[in-house]
Amino acid sequence: MIANLTTPLIGIVSTTAIGRLGDAALLGGVAMASVIFDCLFWLFAFLRMGTVAFTAQALGAGETRELHPILVRGLIVAGIVGLALIALQAPLSAILLGAMGGSEAVTGAARTYFLVRIWSAPLALANYVVLGWLVGQARATLALGVQIAINLINMAATVLLVLVADLGIAGAAIAAVIAETAGLAIGGVIAQRLTAGHPPLSRAHLFARDSLMRMLAVNRDIMIRTAALIAAFLFFTAQGARSGDVILAANAVLNNLLLVSAFFLDGLAAAAQQLCGRAYGARSRHDFSGAVRLVILWSFAFAFAVAVVFALFGPALTDVMTVSNDVRRVARDFLPFVIVSPLLAVFAFTFDGVFIGATWARDMRNLMLASLAIFLTAWLALHSFGNYGLWTALLVHYAARGGLQALAYPRLLKQSFR
């Protein structure tokens, strides 16, 4: 949880550094580009999620000789995907920025950020694999260390390059590339030491057909599920962009607070992935059910605490992230939506972790597609209310995700532990 909590600090520092320049278009540009990268890299989050699940299940089943090939398979896929994204940077930037619908000034700033930061793609995706591999083994301290190192380096580099070196929005993108490079170097050293005593990895073992086909099938379903989730958040950002630069900037500020609550809950979801994956590999229904109950209980406790903090300190936090009085005023108007969001998101995050740990990927995919349809239906019904309708539809999406998975859980539990 602590490791995840440092992640939104990157967006907060970038937003704050650019926001201190006092230009709403630049703030909107970094917000738009950051969302695009969050979603673009997030599309390949199966590299982390699948690695957590396969590693934890192998550990629970006592198949420790599988740990090394799981890591290497993930790194190979991360490298291929990352290099493909760099090769396709020109059409990707044109399509994604065009789809966002921002003003000319915002789109220009976002393009500058995109064309620099895209070079971090292979590094960022490889870091997903290393972090997933560490979490899957319950090596939380090492995962925490790597994540904190990446984020602290990113924050320090952002401040230096944007506010001191005066490189503007390009400086924020360069800082991300530097941080991902350093993070992979640290993670690589850790992984090398942890695998030092393992038997030599043969080509036949690494590319075993059954293991590869299972990995590809699970990762395919997680990727489709993630694409549906990304579509909802890209749609949310695009609709905000079409409402003007001030609304876009205010939503970006509030989105940073939303990410804080999300990463609290995602930390517990990561625990669910490891604990449920290990129990699933050991074929222990008792341990599996116990992990689910504990994660739900603690998720509600932390969600309530975060909601209280946002209610008490939300206005002050938004004021820190921007000096624009117009953006501050609009952000305060929509702050209540952020305050209630953690409580509605508990089941969504908890059962994401449970389903991933048990590799119930196909069911998770189908339920997420249904949740996306519910979100779009809610927006169509409420779009006449503008940004208020958009935020309400987002909360409906949270509730639909968690509710549908909670309803499916008893059936899947019974099928998996007959």
Protein backbone atom coordinates (compact mmCIF):
# COMPACT_ATOMS: atom_id res chain seq x y z
CA MET A 1 0.00 0.00 0.00
CA ILE A 2 2.80 2.40 0.87
CA ALA A 3 4.56 1.56 -2.40
CA ASN A 4 1.41 2.25 -4.39
CA LEU A 5 0.72 5.46 -2.48
CA THR A 6 3.96 6.97 -3.76
CA THR A 7 2.81 6.53 -7.39
CA PRO A 8 0.18 9.33 -7.55
CA LEU A 9 2.80 11.64 -6.06
CA ILE A 10 4.41 11.66 -9.53
CA GLY A 11 1.26 13.12 -11.05
CA ILE A 12 0.80 15.48 -8.12
CA VAL A 13 4.37 16.81 -8.38
CA SER A 14 4.16 17.13 -12.19
CA THR A 15 0.79 18.88 -11.94
CA THR A 16 2.05 21.15 -9.16
CA ALA A 17 5.31 22.01 -10.95
CA ILE A 18 3.55 22.86 -14.21
CA GLY A 19 0.68 24.50 -12.28
CA ARG A 20 3.12 26.90 -10.63
CA LEU A 21 3.85 28.32 -14.09
CA GLY A 22 0.31 29.73 -14.05
CA ASP A 23 -0.72 28.60 -17.56
CA ALA A 24 -3.98 26.59 -17.66
CA ALA A 25 -3.12 25.26 -21.14
CA LEU A 26 0.20 23.81 -19.94
CA LEU A 27 -1.52 22.29 -16.91
CA GLY A 28 -4.19 20.80 -19.15
CA GLY A 29 -1.49 19.50 -21.50
CA VAL A 30 0.47 17.65 -18.83
CA ALA A 31 -2.82 16.34 -17.43
CA MET A 32 -3.94 15.05 -20.82
CA ALA A 33 -0.57 13.48 -21.66
CA SER A 34 -0.24 11.93 -18.20
CA VAL A 35 -3.67 10.33 -18.53
CA ILE A 36 -2.75 9.00 -21.98
CA PHE A 37 0.44 7.39 -20.62
CA ASP A 38 -1.30 6.07 -17.54
CA CYS A 39 -3.85 4.42 -19.81
CA LEU A 40 -1.36 3.33 -22.49
CA PHE A 41 0.94 1.62 -20.01
CA TRP A 42 -2.04 0.47 -17.96
CA LEU A 43 -3.28 -1.41 -21.04
CA PHE A 44 -0.28 -3.69 -20.53
CA ALA A 45 -0.74 -3.98 -16.78
CA PHE A 46 -1.28 -7.69 -17.39
CA LEU A 47 2.52 -7.83 -17.27
CA ARG A 48 2.32 -7.02 -13.55
CA MET A 49 -1.01 -8.67 -12.72
CA GLY A 50 -0.33 -11.91 -14.57
CA THR A 51 3.18 -12.11 -13.12
CA VAL A 52 1.80 -11.68 -9.58
CA ALA A 53 -0.77 -14.42 -10.10
CA PHE A 54 1.54 -16.97 -11.78
CA THR A 55 4.34 -16.34 -9.27
CA ALA A 56 2.05 -16.64 -6.24
CA GLN A 57 0.36 -19.79 -7.57
CA ALA A 58 3.72 -21.41 -8.31
CA LEU A 59 4.87 -20.55 -4.80
CA GLY A 60 1.69 -21.99 -3.25
CA ALA A 61 2.01 -25.18 -5.28
CA GLY A 62 5.68 -25.57 -4.26
CA GLU A 63 6.90 -25.20 -7.86
CA THR A 64 9.73 -22.79 -7.10
CA ARG A 65 11.66 -23.80 -10.24
CA GLU A 66 8.97 -21.92 -12.21
CA LEU A 67 9.79 -18.55 -10.62
CA HIS A 68 12.76 -17.76 -12.86
CA PRO A 69 11.06 -18.56 -16.20
CA ILE A 70 7.97 -16.58 -15.16
CA LEU A 71 10.17 -13.51 -14.73
CA VAL A 72 12.06 -13.96 -17.99
CA ARG A 73 8.90 -14.60 -20.04
CA GLY A 74 7.40 -11.39 -18.71
CA LEU A 75 10.53 -9.35 -19.48
CA ILE A 76 10.61 -10.66 -23.06
CA VAL A 77 7.00 -9.61 -23.64
CA ALA A 78 7.64 -6.22 -21.99
CA GLY A 79 10.60 -5.56 -24.28
CA ILE A 80 8.68 -6.49 -27.44
CA VAL A 81 5.66 -4.35 -26.53
CA GLY A 82 7.78 -1.38 -25.41
CA LEU A 83 9.83 -1.28 -28.61
CA ALA A 84 6.63 -1.54 -30.67
CA LEU A 85 5.20 1.51 -28.87
CA ILE A 86 8.35 3.53 -29.65
CA ALA A 87 8.19 2.51 -33.31
CA LEU A 88 4.52 3.58 -33.50
CA GLN A 89 4.92 6.86 -31.60
CA ALA A 90 3.92 9.13 -34.50
CA PRO A 91 0.56 7.51 -35.34
CA LEU A 92 -0.14 6.83 -31.66
CA SER A 93 0.33 10.47 -30.69
CA ALA A 94 -1.85 11.66 -33.57
CA ILE A 95 -4.67 9.23 -32.82
CA LEU A 96 -4.68 9.51 -29.03
CA LEU A 97 -4.29 13.28 -28.82
CA GLY A 98 -6.87 13.78 -31.54
CA ALA A 99 -9.33 11.57 -29.70
CA MET A 100 -8.95 13.60 -26.51
CA GLY A 101 -10.41 16.70 -28.15
CA GLY A 102 -8.42 19.33 -26.24
CA SER A 103 -7.78 22.87 -27.42
CA GLU A 104 -4.87 23.62 -29.78
CA ALA A 105 -2.69 24.94 -26.94
CA VAL A 106 -3.39 21.95 -24.69
CA THR A 107 -2.83 19.43 -27.49
CA GLY A 108 0.48 21.05 -28.47
CA ALA A 109 1.79 20.85 -24.91
CA ALA A 110 0.61 17.26 -24.57
CA ARG A 111 2.34 16.26 -27.83
CA THR A 112 5.66 17.60 -26.56
CA TYR A 113 5.34 15.49 -23.40
CA PHE A 114 4.24 12.39 -25.32
CA LEU A 115 7.12 12.32 -27.83
CA VAL A 116 9.68 12.45 -25.04
CA ARG A 117 8.15 10.11 -22.51
CA ILE A 118 7.34 7.34 -25.00
CA TRP A 119 11.03 6.37 -24.89
CA SER A 120 10.47 5.06 -21.36
CA ALA A 121 7.99 2.42 -22.60
CA PRO A 122 10.23 -0.71 -22.53
CA LEU A 123 11.64 0.36 -19.16
CA ALA A 124 8.26 1.08 -17.56
CA LEU A 125 6.76 -2.21 -18.76
CA ALA A 126 9.80 -4.18 -17.59
CA ASN A 127 9.38 -2.55 -14.18
CA TYR A 128 5.79 -3.85 -14.15
CA VAL A 129 7.15 -7.38 -14.52
CA VAL A 130 9.83 -7.03 -11.84
CA LEU A 131 7.40 -5.49 -9.34
CA GLY A 132 4.78 -8.16 -10.06
CA TRP A 133 7.39 -10.89 -9.59
CA LEU A 134 8.43 -9.47 -6.21
CA VAL A 135 4.85 -8.98 -5.01
CA GLY A 136 3.96 -12.51 -6.14
CA GLN A 137 6.65 -13.85 -3.79
CA ALA A 138 5.38 -11.61 -0.95
CA ARG A 139 8.69 -9.73 -0.99
CA ALA A 140 6.88 -6.54 -0.09
CA THR A 141 9.90 -4.73 1.34
CA LEU A 142 11.89 -5.11 -1.88
CA ALA A 143 8.90 -4.09 -4.01
CA LEU A 144 8.42 -1.06 -1.77
CA GLY A 145 12.08 -0.09 -2.13
CA VAL A 146 12.03 -0.26 -5.93
CA GLN A 147 8.76 1.67 -6.21
CA ILE A 148 9.85 4.40 -3.82
CA ALA A 149 13.18 4.76 -5.64
CA ILE A 150 11.40 5.22 -8.99
CA ASN A 151 8.98 7.79 -7.61
CA LEU A 152 11.47 9.79 -5.56
CA ILE A 153 13.85 10.03 -8.52
CA ASN A 154 10.95 11.11 -10.72
CA MET A 155 9.82 13.80 -8.30
CA ALA A 156 13.32 15.19 -7.75
CA ALA A 157 14.08 15.22 -11.47
CA THR A 158 10.74 16.91 -12.24
CA VAL A 159 11.39 19.74 -9.81
CA LEU A 160 14.94 20.24 -11.10
CA LEU A 161 14.12 20.08 -14.80
CA VAL A 162 10.85 22.04 -14.73
CA LEU A 163 11.35 24.69 -12.06
CA VAL A 164 15.16 25.00 -11.93
CA ALA A 165 16.34 24.18 -15.47
CA ASP A 166 13.15 25.77 -16.91
CA LEU A 167 12.58 22.96 -19.45
CA GLY A 168 8.82 23.19 -19.05
CA ILE A 169 6.61 20.27 -19.99
CA ALA A 170 9.49 18.44 -21.74
CA GLY A 171 11.38 18.46 -18.45
CA ALA A 172 8.55 16.57 -16.74
CA ALA A 173 8.69 13.90 -19.47
CA ILE A 174 12.49 13.57 -19.29
CA ALA A 175 12.20 13.08 -15.53
CA ALA A 176 9.91 10.07 -16.09
CA VAL A 177 12.42 8.46 -18.49
CA ILE A 178 15.25 8.94 -15.99
CA ALA A 179 13.22 7.45 -13.14
CA GLU A 180 12.14 4.35 -15.09
CA THR A 181 15.73 3.72 -16.17
CA ALA A 182 16.99 3.89 -12.60
CA GLY A 183 14.13 1.69 -11.35
CA LEU A 184 14.84 -1.08 -13.85
CA ALA A 185 18.54 -1.02 -12.96
CA ILE A 186 17.70 -1.46 -9.26
CA GLY A 187 15.09 -4.15 -9.97
CA GLY A 188 17.49 -6.02 -12.25
CA VAL A 189 20.14 -6.22 -9.54
CA ILE A 190 17.56 -7.53 -7.03
CA ALA A 191 16.21 -10.14 -9.46
CA GLN A 192 19.72 -11.34 -10.32
CA ARG A 193 20.52 -11.92 -6.66
CA LEU A 194 17.22 -13.72 -5.97
CA THR A 195 17.72 -16.11 -8.89
CA ALA A 196 21.42 -16.72 -8.25
CA GLY A 197 20.82 -20.16 -6.72
CA HIS A 198 18.28 -21.36 -9.29
CA PRO A 199 19.15 -24.08 -11.82
CA PRO A 200 20.22 -22.86 -15.31
CA LEU A 201 17.21 -21.81 -17.39
CA SER A 202 16.88 -23.94 -20.52
CA ARG A 203 15.16 -22.78 -23.72
CA ALA A 204 12.77 -25.76 -23.53
CA HIS A 205 11.68 -24.83 -20.00
CA LEU A 206 11.37 -21.13 -20.82
CA PHE A 207 9.20 -21.72 -23.89
CA ALA A 208 7.22 -24.73 -22.62
CA ARG A 209 4.02 -24.83 -24.68
CA ASP A 210 1.54 -25.37 -21.83
CA SER A 211 2.99 -22.57 -19.71
CA LEU A 212 3.13 -20.17 -22.65
CA MET A 213 -0.45 -20.87 -23.77
CA ARG A 214 -1.81 -20.41 -20.24
CA MET A 215 0.13 -17.16 -19.84
CA LEU A 216 -1.11 -15.83 -23.19
CA ALA A 217 -4.74 -16.78 -22.49
CA VAL A 218 -4.82 -15.17 -19.05
CA ASN A 219 -2.93 -12.08 -20.22
CA ARG A 220 -5.24 -11.70 -23.22
CA ASP A 221 -8.32 -11.62 -20.99
CA ILE A 222 -6.69 -9.25 -18.49
CA MET A 223 -5.69 -6.96 -21.37
CA ILE A 224 -9.25 -6.84 -22.74
CA ARG A 225 -10.56 -6.19 -19.24
CA THR A 226 -8.04 -3.40 -18.76
CA ALA A 227 -8.87 -1.90 -22.16
CA ALA A 228 -12.53 -1.67 -21.12
CA LEU A 229 -11.52 0.05 -17.87
CA ILE A 230 -9.22 2.44 -19.73
CA ALA A 231 -11.99 3.27 -22.19
CA ALA A 232 -14.14 4.49 -19.31
CA PHE A 233 -11.42 6.78 -17.91
CA LEU A 234 -10.36 8.07 -21.35
CA PHE A 235 -13.99 8.85 -22.08
CA PHE A 236 -14.21 10.70 -18.77
CA THR A 237 -11.10 12.78 -19.57
CA ALA A 238 -12.18 13.46 -23.16
CA GLN A 239 -15.59 14.71 -22.06
CA GLY A 240 -13.89 16.98 -19.54
CA ALA A 241 -11.58 18.32 -22.27
CA ARG A 242 -14.57 19.15 -24.46
CA SER A 243 -15.97 21.24 -21.61
CA GLY A 244 -13.06 23.70 -21.76
CA ASP A 245 -9.54 24.11 -20.38
CA VAL A 246 -10.71 25.12 -16.89
CA ILE A 247 -12.93 22.04 -16.47
CA LEU A 248 -10.15 19.82 -17.84
CA ALA A 249 -7.61 21.32 -15.42
CA ALA A 250 -10.00 21.06 -12.44
CA ASN A 251 -10.79 17.43 -13.24
CA ALA A 252 -7.02 16.76 -13.51
CA VAL A 253 -6.46 18.21 -10.03
CA LEU A 254 -9.31 16.13 -8.61
CA ASN A 255 -8.10 13.06 -10.48
CA ASN A 256 -4.86 13.22 -8.48
CA LEU A 257 -6.90 12.97 -5.28
CA LEU A 258 -8.90 10.14 -6.82
CA LEU A 259 -5.63 8.33 -7.54
CA VAL A 260 -4.57 8.66 -3.92
CA SER A 261 -7.67 6.78 -2.76
CA ALA A 262 -7.32 4.31 -5.63
CA PHE A 263 -3.76 3.42 -4.70
CA PHE A 264 -4.71 2.87 -1.07
CA LEU A 265 -7.27 0.33 -2.22
CA ASP A 266 -5.01 -1.07 -4.94
CA GLY A 267 -2.38 -1.81 -2.30
CA LEU A 268 -4.88 -4.07 -0.57
CA ALA A 269 -5.90 -5.51 -3.94
CA ALA A 270 -2.25 -6.41 -4.57
CA ALA A 271 -2.22 -8.22 -1.22
CA ALA A 272 -5.34 -10.09 -2.35
CA GLN A 273 -3.59 -11.10 -5.58
CA GLN A 274 -0.67 -12.62 -3.69
CA LEU A 275 -2.60 -14.23 -0.83
CA CYS A 276 -5.41 -15.57 -3.00
CA GLY A 277 -2.96 -16.71 -5.68
CA ARG A 278 -0.88 -18.59 -3.16
CA ALA A 279 -3.96 -20.18 -1.56
CA TYR A 280 -5.27 -21.09 -5.00
CA GLY A 281 -1.96 -22.75 -5.91
CA ALA A 282 -2.06 -24.69 -2.62
CA ARG A 283 -5.73 -25.63 -3.25
CA SER A 284 -6.76 -24.22 0.16
CA ARG A 285 -10.32 -22.90 0.14
CA HIS A 286 -10.04 -21.93 3.81
CA ASP A 287 -7.04 -19.67 3.24
CA PHE A 288 -8.56 -18.25 0.07
CA SER A 289 -11.86 -17.28 1.70
CA GLY A 290 -10.08 -15.90 4.75
CA ALA A 291 -7.92 -13.64 2.60
CA VAL A 292 -10.98 -12.30 0.78
CA ARG A 293 -12.80 -11.45 4.02
CA LEU A 294 -9.78 -9.68 5.54
CA VAL A 295 -9.07 -7.61 2.44
CA ILE A 296 -12.69 -6.45 2.21
CA LEU A 297 -12.72 -5.49 5.91
CA TRP A 298 -9.50 -3.47 5.74
CA SER A 299 -10.48 -1.90 2.42
CA PHE A 300 -13.62 -0.43 3.94
CA ALA A 301 -11.62 0.85 6.92
CA PHE A 302 -9.08 2.64 4.75
CA ALA A 303 -11.74 3.91 2.32
CA PHE A 304 -13.59 5.56 5.20
CA ALA A 305 -10.37 7.13 6.51
CA VAL A 306 -9.47 8.52 3.07
CA ALA A 307 -12.98 9.94 2.62
CA VAL A 308 -12.69 11.78 5.95
CA VAL A 309 -9.29 13.23 4.98
CA PHE A 310 -10.65 14.47 1.65
CA ALA A 311 -13.66 16.03 3.37
CA LEU A 312 -11.45 17.90 5.85
CA PHE A 313 -8.45 18.84 3.71
CA GLY A 314 -9.65 18.56 0.10
CA PRO A 315 -9.97 22.33 -0.55
CA ALA A 316 -6.48 23.00 0.82
CA LEU A 317 -4.99 20.20 -1.29
CA THR A 318 -6.55 21.53 -4.49
CA ASP A 319 -5.21 25.02 -3.72
CA VAL A 320 -1.68 23.62 -3.44
CA MET A 321 -1.87 21.98 -6.88
CA THR A 322 -2.90 25.08 -8.83
CA VAL A 323 -2.63 28.87 -8.53
CA SER A 324 -5.52 29.51 -10.93
CA ASN A 325 -8.54 30.87 -9.05
CA ASP A 326 -10.93 29.60 -11.73
CA VAL A 327 -9.53 26.06 -11.52
CA ARG A 328 -9.67 26.18 -7.70
CA ARG A 329 -13.32 27.27 -7.73
CA VAL A 330 -14.42 24.53 -10.15
CA ALA A 331 -12.41 21.86 -8.28
CA ARG A 332 -14.22 22.73 -5.03
CA ASP A 333 -17.60 22.37 -6.75
CA PHE A 334 -16.86 18.74 -7.69
CA LEU A 335 -14.89 17.71 -4.61
CA PRO A 336 -17.90 15.86 -3.03
CA PHE A 337 -17.72 13.26 -5.82
CA VAL A 338 -14.10 12.50 -4.87
CA ILE A 339 -15.02 12.27 -1.18
CA VAL A 340 -17.58 9.47 -1.68
CA SER A 341 -15.63 7.60 -4.38
CA PRO A 342 -13.43 5.45 -2.06
CA LEU A 343 -16.42 3.82 -0.36
CA LEU A 344 -18.05 2.98 -3.69
CA ALA A 345 -14.78 1.56 -5.04
CA VAL A 346 -14.04 -1.00 -2.28
CA PHE A 347 -15.60 -4.04 -3.96
CA ALA A 348 -14.25 -3.01 -7.38
CA PHE A 349 -10.63 -3.03 -6.20
CA THR A 350 -10.93 -5.94 -3.77
CA PHE A 351 -12.48 -8.35 -6.24
CA ASP A 352 -10.08 -7.27 -8.98
CA GLY A 353 -7.30 -8.59 -6.73
CA VAL A 354 -9.21 -11.78 -5.89
CA PHE A 355 -10.08 -12.56 -9.52
CA ILE A 356 -6.50 -11.94 -10.68
CA GLY A 357 -4.99 -14.08 -7.92
CA ALA A 358 -7.29 -16.95 -8.88
CA THR A 359 -6.75 -16.26 -12.62
CA TRP A 360 -10.51 -15.94 -13.15
CA ALA A 361 -9.53 -13.71 -16.05
CA ARG A 362 -12.30 -14.62 -18.48
CA ASP A 363 -15.05 -13.82 -15.98
CA MET A 364 -13.32 -10.59 -14.96
CA ARG A 365 -13.12 -9.59 -18.62
CA ASN A 366 -16.81 -10.17 -19.24
CA LEU A 367 -17.91 -8.34 -16.09
CA MET A 368 -15.74 -5.33 -16.92
CA LEU A 369 -17.26 -5.09 -20.39
CA ALA A 370 -20.70 -5.10 -18.76
CA SER A 371 -19.57 -2.35 -16.35
CA LEU A 372 -18.38 -0.22 -19.26
CA ALA A 373 -21.80 -0.53 -20.90
CA ILE A 374 -23.45 0.55 -17.65
CA PHE A 375 -21.11 3.56 -17.39
CA LEU A 376 -21.86 4.74 -20.92
CA THR A 377 -25.59 4.24 -20.37
CA ALA A 378 -25.44 6.31 -17.18
CA TRP A 379 -23.58 9.09 -19.01
CA LEU A 380 -26.13 9.13 -21.84
CA ALA A 381 -28.89 9.51 -19.27
CA LEU A 382 -27.06 12.27 -17.37
CA HIS A 383 -24.98 14.11 -20.00
CA SER A 384 -27.35 17.08 -20.01
CA PHE A 385 -26.07 17.85 -16.49
CA GLY A 386 -22.55 18.51 -17.86
CA ASN A 387 -19.61 17.75 -15.60
CA TYR A 388 -21.97 16.81 -12.75
CA GLY A 389 -23.47 14.07 -14.91
CA LEU A 390 -20.01 12.91 -15.96
CA TRP A 391 -18.81 12.50 -12.36
CA THR A 392 -22.04 10.73 -11.38
CA ALA A 393 -21.57 8.25 -14.23
CA LEU A 394 -18.02 7.56 -13.01
CA LEU A 395 -19.32 6.70 -9.53
CA VAL A 396 -21.93 4.42 -11.13
CA HIS A 397 -19.09 2.67 -12.92
CA TYR A 398 -17.27 2.02 -9.62
CA ALA A 399 -20.43 0.56 -8.10
CA ALA A 400 -21.17 -1.61 -11.14
CA ARG A 401 -17.65 -3.08 -11.28
CA GLY A 402 -17.66 -4.17 -7.67
CA GLY A 403 -21.29 -5.23 -7.56
CA LEU A 404 -21.10 -7.54 -10.56
CA GLN A 405 -17.92 -9.22 -9.31
CA ALA A 406 -19.37 -9.67 -5.81
CA LEU A 407 -22.39 -11.43 -7.31
CA ALA A 408 -20.18 -13.75 -9.38
CA TYR A 409 -17.77 -14.59 -6.54
CA PRO A 410 -19.77 -17.40 -4.79
CA ARG A 411 -20.24 -19.29 -8.06
CA LEU A 412 -16.56 -19.07 -9.01
CA LEU A 413 -15.43 -20.05 -5.52
CA LYS A 414 -17.58 -23.18 -5.65
CA GLN A 415 -16.31 -24.12 -9.13
CA SER A 416 -12.64 -23.63 -8.22
CA PHE A 417 -12.70 -25.54 -4.91
CA ARG A 418 -15.01 -28.45 -5.52
